[in-house]
Amino acid sequence: MVELINLNKARKARARAEGKSQASGNRIRFGLTKDQKAVAALEATRTQRDLDGKKRGD
């Protein structure tokens, strides 16, 4: 006997799996932890402050 398949549930499960794989790819491409973002912001401010300190007067 053939097992019955609910097509609506199968379609939703496939869409959910595709969404999870896309989310995983986005986490790899765009994901930074909060700490990593904070460190990057501190480095950017430090660099800008150093550059401003080395400016020559006009």
PDB file of N, CA and C in Angstrom:
ATOM      1  N   MET A   1       0.831  -1.177   0.000  1.00  0.00           N
ATOM      2  CA  MET A   1       0.000   0.000   0.000  1.00  0.00           C
ATOM      3  C   MET A   1       0.878   1.244   0.000  1.00  0.00           C
ATOM      4  N   VAL A   2       0.482   2.242  -0.721  1.00  0.00           N
ATOM      5  CA  VAL A   2       1.242   3.478  -0.860  1.00  0.00           C
ATOM      6  C   VAL A   2       0.945   4.393   0.324  1.00  0.00           C
ATOM      7  N   GLU A   3       1.983   5.012   0.839  1.00  0.00           N
ATOM      8  CA  GLU A   3       1.808   5.942   1.947  1.00  0.00           C
ATOM      9  C   GLU A   3       1.313   7.280   1.403  1.00  0.00           C
ATOM     10  N   LEU A   4       0.281   7.822   2.024  1.00  0.00           N
ATOM     11  CA  LEU A   4      -0.282   9.095   1.593  1.00  0.00           C
ATOM     12  C   LEU A   4       0.589  10.248   2.071  1.00  0.00           C
ATOM     13  N   ILE A   5       0.695  11.273   1.248  1.00  0.00           N
ATOM     14  CA  ILE A   5       1.508  12.445   1.562  1.00  0.00           C
ATOM     15  C   ILE A   5       0.614  13.674   1.482  1.00  0.00           C
ATOM     16  N   ASN A   6       0.652  14.481   2.521  1.00  0.00           N
ATOM     17  CA  ASN A   6      -0.072  15.743   2.504  1.00  0.00           C
ATOM     18  C   ASN A   6       0.799  16.740   1.734  1.00  0.00           C
ATOM     19  N   LEU A   7       0.362  17.125   0.556  1.00  0.00           N
ATOM     20  CA  LEU A   7       1.174  17.980  -0.309  1.00  0.00           C
ATOM     21  C   LEU A   7       1.402  19.357   0.292  1.00  0.00           C
ATOM     22  N   ASN A   8       0.419  19.864   1.016  1.00  0.00           N
ATOM     23  CA  ASN A   8       0.568  21.181   1.626  1.00  0.00           C
ATOM     24  C   ASN A   8       1.681  21.157   2.678  1.00  0.00           C
ATOM     25  N   LYS A   9       1.703  20.108   3.499  1.00  0.00           N
ATOM     26  CA  LYS A   9       2.753  19.995   4.514  1.00  0.00           C
ATOM     27  C   LYS A   9       4.118  19.779   3.865  1.00  0.00           C
ATOM     28  N   ALA A  10       4.167  19.013   2.786  1.00  0.00           N
ATOM     29  CA  ALA A  10       5.431  18.771   2.090  1.00  0.00           C
ATOM     30  C   ALA A  10       5.961  20.069   1.479  1.00  0.00           C
ATOM     31  N   ARG A  11       5.066  20.860   0.906  1.00  0.00           N
ATOM     32  CA  ARG A  11       5.471  22.133   0.306  1.00  0.00           C
ATOM     33  C   ARG A  11       6.003  23.086   1.373  1.00  0.00           C
ATOM     34  N   LYS A  12       5.308  23.157   2.503  1.00  0.00           N
ATOM     35  CA  LYS A  12       5.746  24.041   3.583  1.00  0.00           C
ATOM     36  C   LYS A  12       7.073  23.572   4.188  1.00  0.00           C
ATOM     37  N   ALA A  13       7.256  22.275   4.296  1.00  0.00           N
ATOM     38  CA  ALA A  13       8.511  21.742   4.837  1.00  0.00           C
ATOM     39  C   ALA A  13       9.673  22.055   3.902  1.00  0.00           C
ATOM     40  N   ARG A  14       9.443  21.936   2.600  1.00  0.00           N
ATOM     41  CA  ARG A  14      10.494  22.254   1.632  1.00  0.00           C
ATOM     42  C   ARG A  14      10.844  23.739   1.700  1.00  0.00           C
ATOM     43  N   ALA A  15       9.819  24.604   1.811  1.00  0.00           N
ATOM     44  CA  ALA A  15      10.067  26.045   1.897  1.00  0.00           C
ATOM     45  C   ALA A  15      10.818  26.387   3.178  1.00  0.00           C
ATOM     46  N   ARG A  16      10.469  25.711   4.263  1.00  0.00           N
ATOM     47  CA  ARG A  16      11.142  25.954   5.534  1.00  0.00           C
ATOM     48  C   ARG A  16      12.609  25.548   5.444  1.00  0.00           C
ATOM     49  N   ALA A  17      12.895  24.435   4.811  1.00  0.00           N
ATOM     50  CA  ALA A  17      14.277  23.970   4.661  1.00  0.00           C
ATOM     51  C   ALA A  17      15.086  24.927   3.790  1.00  0.00           C
ATOM     52  N   GLU A  18      14.484  25.429   2.728  1.00  0.00           N
ATOM     53  CA  GLU A  18      15.176  26.390   1.868  1.00  0.00           C
ATOM     54  C   GLU A  18      15.452  27.685   2.618  1.00  0.00           C
ATOM     55  N   GLY A  19      14.493  28.116   3.427  1.00  0.00           N
ATOM     56  CA  GLY A  19      14.682  29.328   4.234  1.00  0.00           C
ATOM     57  C   GLY A  19      15.804  29.164   5.230  1.00  0.00           C
ATOM     58  N   LYS A  20      15.901  27.979   5.843  1.00  0.00           N
ATOM     59  CA  LYS A  20      16.975  27.736   6.797  1.00  0.00           C
ATOM     60  C   LYS A  20      18.335  27.754   6.122  1.00  0.00           C
ATOM     61  N   SER A  21      18.415  27.199   4.917  1.00  0.00           N
ATOM     62  CA  SER A  21      19.708  27.192   4.230  1.00  0.00           C
ATOM     63  C   SER A  21      20.094  28.609   3.809  1.00  0.00           C
ATOM     64  N   GLN A  22      19.130  29.399   3.398  1.00  0.00           N
ATOM     65  CA  GLN A  22      19.420  30.788   3.029  1.00  0.00           C
ATOM     66  C   GLN A  22      19.839  31.583   4.264  1.00  0.00           C
ATOM     67  N   ALA A  23      19.179  31.353   5.393  1.00  0.00           N
ATOM     68  CA  ALA A  23      19.537  32.046   6.630  1.00  0.00           C
ATOM     69  C   ALA A  23      20.950  31.678   7.064  1.00  0.00           C
ATOM     70  N   SER A  24      21.307  30.417   6.888  1.00  0.00           N
ATOM     71  CA  SER A  24      22.647  29.987   7.243  1.00  0.00           C
ATOM     72  C   SER A  24      23.695  30.702   6.388  1.00  0.00           C
ATOM     73  N   GLY A  25      23.410  30.816   5.103  1.00  0.00           N
ATOM     74  CA  GLY A  25      24.329  31.531   4.216  1.00  0.00           C
ATOM     75  C   GLY A  25      24.441  32.993   4.580  1.00  0.00           C
ATOM     76  N   ASN A  26      23.330  33.615   4.955  1.00  0.00           N
ATOM     77  CA  ASN A  26      23.356  35.023   5.343  1.00  0.00           C
ATOM     78  C   ASN A  26      24.131  35.223   6.636  1.00  0.00           C
ATOM     79  N   ARG A  27      24.009  34.285   7.573  1.00  0.00           N
ATOM     80  CA  ARG A  27      24.768  34.407   8.820  1.00  0.00           C
ATOM     81  C   ARG A  27      26.260  34.365   8.537  1.00  0.00           C
ATOM     82  N   ILE A  28      26.647  33.546   7.581  1.00  0.00           N
ATOM     83  CA  ILE A  28      28.066  33.466   7.235  1.00  0.00           C
ATOM     84  C   ILE A  28      28.518  34.744   6.543  1.00  0.00           C
ATOM     85  N   ARG A  29      27.697  35.257   5.616  1.00  0.00           N
ATOM     86  CA  ARG A  29      28.091  36.430   4.842  1.00  0.00           C
ATOM     87  C   ARG A  29      28.037  37.723   5.640  1.00  0.00           C
ATOM     88  N   PHE A  30      26.987  37.909   6.425  1.00  0.00           N
ATOM     89  CA  PHE A  30      26.766  39.208   7.052  1.00  0.00           C
ATOM     90  C   PHE A  30      26.911  39.193   8.566  1.00  0.00           C
ATOM     91  N   GLY A  31      27.019  38.037   9.146  1.00  0.00           N
ATOM     92  CA  GLY A  31      26.929  37.940  10.599  1.00  0.00           C
ATOM     93  C   GLY A  31      28.193  38.326  11.326  1.00  0.00           C
ATOM     94  N   LEU A  32      28.070  39.266  12.202  1.00  0.00           N
ATOM     95  CA  LEU A  32      29.118  39.599  13.146  1.00  0.00           C
ATOM     96  C   LEU A  32      28.473  39.602  14.522  1.00  0.00           C
ATOM     97  N   THR A  33      29.202  39.143  15.507  1.00  0.00           N
ATOM     98  CA  THR A  33      28.662  39.187  16.854  1.00  0.00           C
ATOM     99  C   THR A  33      28.665  40.628  17.344  1.00  0.00           C
ATOM    100  N   LYS A  34      27.935  40.856  18.406  1.00  0.00           N
ATOM    101  CA  LYS A  34      27.849  42.201  18.971  1.00  0.00           C
ATOM    102  C   LYS A  34      29.235  42.679  19.406  1.00  0.00           C
ATOM    103  N   ASP A  35      30.022  41.779  19.966  1.00  0.00           N
ATOM    104  CA  ASP A  35      31.372  42.125  20.400  1.00  0.00           C
ATOM    105  C   ASP A  35      32.258  42.496  19.218  1.00  0.00           C
ATOM    106  N   GLN A  36      32.144  41.750  18.126  1.00  0.00           N
ATOM    107  CA  GLN A  36      32.954  42.048  16.943  1.00  0.00           C
ATOM    108  C   GLN A  36      32.583  43.409  16.374  1.00  0.00           C
ATOM    109  N   LYS A  37      31.289  43.751  16.373  1.00  0.00           N
ATOM    110  CA  LYS A  37      30.861  45.066  15.893  1.00  0.00           C
ATOM    111  C   LYS A  37      31.406  46.168  16.786  1.00  0.00           C
ATOM    112  N   ALA A  38      31.404  45.939  18.094  1.00  0.00           N
ATOM    113  CA  ALA A  38      31.910  46.939  19.032  1.00  0.00           C
ATOM    114  C   ALA A  38      33.408  47.154  18.836  1.00  0.00           C
ATOM    115  N   VAL A  39      34.155  46.077  18.649  1.00  0.00           N
ATOM    116  CA  VAL A  39      35.595  46.186  18.432  1.00  0.00           C
ATOM    117  C   VAL A  39      35.876  46.949  17.141  1.00  0.00           C
ATOM    118  N   ALA A  40      35.114  46.658  16.086  1.00  0.00           N
ATOM    119  CA  ALA A  40      35.311  47.357  14.812  1.00  0.00           C
ATOM    120  C   ALA A  40      35.014  48.846  14.962  1.00  0.00           C
ATOM    121  N   ALA A  41      33.971  49.176  15.735  1.00  0.00           N
ATOM    122  CA  ALA A  41      33.639  50.583  15.942  1.00  0.00           C
ATOM    123  C   ALA A  41      34.741  51.292  16.728  1.00  0.00           C
ATOM    124  N   LEU A  42      35.286  50.627  17.744  1.00  0.00           N
ATOM    125  CA  LEU A  42      36.377  51.222  18.517  1.00  0.00           C
ATOM    126  C   LEU A  42      37.617  51.442  17.665  1.00  0.00           C
ATOM    127  N   GLU A  43      37.922  50.476  16.826  1.00  0.00           N
ATOM    128  CA  GLU A  43      39.084  50.630  15.949  1.00  0.00           C
ATOM    129  C   GLU A  43      38.882  51.774  14.965  1.00  0.00           C
ATOM    130  N   ALA A  44      37.662  51.915  14.455  1.00  0.00           N
ATOM    131  CA  ALA A  44      37.385  53.006  13.516  1.00  0.00           C
ATOM    132  C   ALA A  44      37.530  54.353  14.204  1.00  0.00           C
ATOM    133  N   THR A  45      37.035  54.473  15.440  1.00  0.00           N
ATOM    134  CA  THR A  45      37.164  55.750  16.156  1.00  0.00           C
ATOM    135  C   THR A  45      38.618  56.042  16.481  1.00  0.00           C
ATOM    136  N   ARG A  46      39.359  55.006  16.868  1.00  0.00           N
ATOM    137  CA  ARG A  46      40.769  55.204  17.190  1.00  0.00           C
ATOM    138  C   ARG A  46      41.536  55.664  15.951  1.00  0.00           C
ATOM    139  N   THR A  47      41.262  55.053  14.825  1.00  0.00           N
ATOM    140  CA  THR A  47      41.929  55.431  13.581  1.00  0.00           C
ATOM    141  C   THR A  47      41.598  56.871  13.201  1.00  0.00           C
ATOM    142  N   GLN A  48      40.315  57.224  13.310  1.00  0.00           N
ATOM    143  CA  GLN A  48      39.910  58.589  12.972  1.00  0.00           C
ATOM    144  C   GLN A  48      40.560  59.600  13.912  1.00  0.00           C
ATOM    145  N   ARG A  49      40.629  59.275  15.202  1.00  0.00           N
ATOM    146  CA  ARG A  49      41.249  60.174  16.178  1.00  0.00           C
ATOM    147  C   ARG A  49      42.739  60.345  15.873  1.00  0.00           C
ATOM    148  N   ASP A  50      43.405  59.251  15.517  1.00  0.00           N
ATOM    149  CA  ASP A  50      44.825  59.333  15.177  1.00  0.00           C
ATOM    150  C   ASP A  50      45.041  60.200  13.943  1.00  0.00           C
ATOM    151  N   LEU A  51      44.190  60.032  12.936  1.00  0.00           N
ATOM    152  CA  LEU A  51      44.321  60.846  11.735  1.00  0.00           C
ATOM    153  C   LEU A  51      44.065  62.318  12.011  1.00  0.00           C
ATOM    154  N   ASP A  52      43.061  62.596  12.840  1.00  0.00           N
ATOM    155  CA  ASP A  52      42.760  63.994  13.178  1.00  0.00           C
ATOM    156  C   ASP A  52      43.917  64.631  13.964  1.00  0.00           C
ATOM    157  N   GLY A  53      44.593  63.844  14.781  1.00  0.00           N
ATOM    158  CA  GLY A  53      45.723  64.347  15.548  1.00  0.00           C
ATOM    159  C   GLY A  53      46.938  64.638  14.687  1.00  0.00           C
ATOM    160  N   LYS A  54      47.021  64.018  13.514  1.00  0.00           N
ATOM    161  CA  LYS A  54      48.170  64.202  12.647  1.00  0.00           C
ATOM    162  C   LYS A  54      47.926  65.230  11.551  1.00  0.00           C
ATOM    163  N   LYS A  55      46.750  65.876  11.578  1.00  0.00           N
ATOM    164  CA  LYS A  55      46.460  66.878  10.550  1.00  0.00           C
ATOM    165  C   LYS A  55      47.368  68.087  10.731  1.00  0.00           C
ATOM    166  N   ARG A  56      47.732  68.629   9.614  1.00  0.00           N
ATOM    167  CA  ARG A  56      48.510  69.855   9.659  1.00  0.00           C
ATOM    168  C   ARG A  56      47.573  71.037   9.529  1.00  0.00           C
ATOM    169  N   GLY A  57      47.900  72.133  10.164  1.00  0.00           N
ATOM    170  CA  GLY A  57      47.084  73.343  10.083  1.00  0.00           C
ATOM    171  C   GLY A  57      47.201  73.975   8.711  1.00  0.00           C
ATOM    172  N   ASP A  58      46.135  74.575   8.268  1.00  0.00           N
ATOM    173  CA  ASP A  58      46.161  75.221   6.938  1.00  0.00           C
ATOM    174  C   ASP A  58      46.775  76.589   6.975  1.00  0.00           C
TER     175      ASP A  58
END
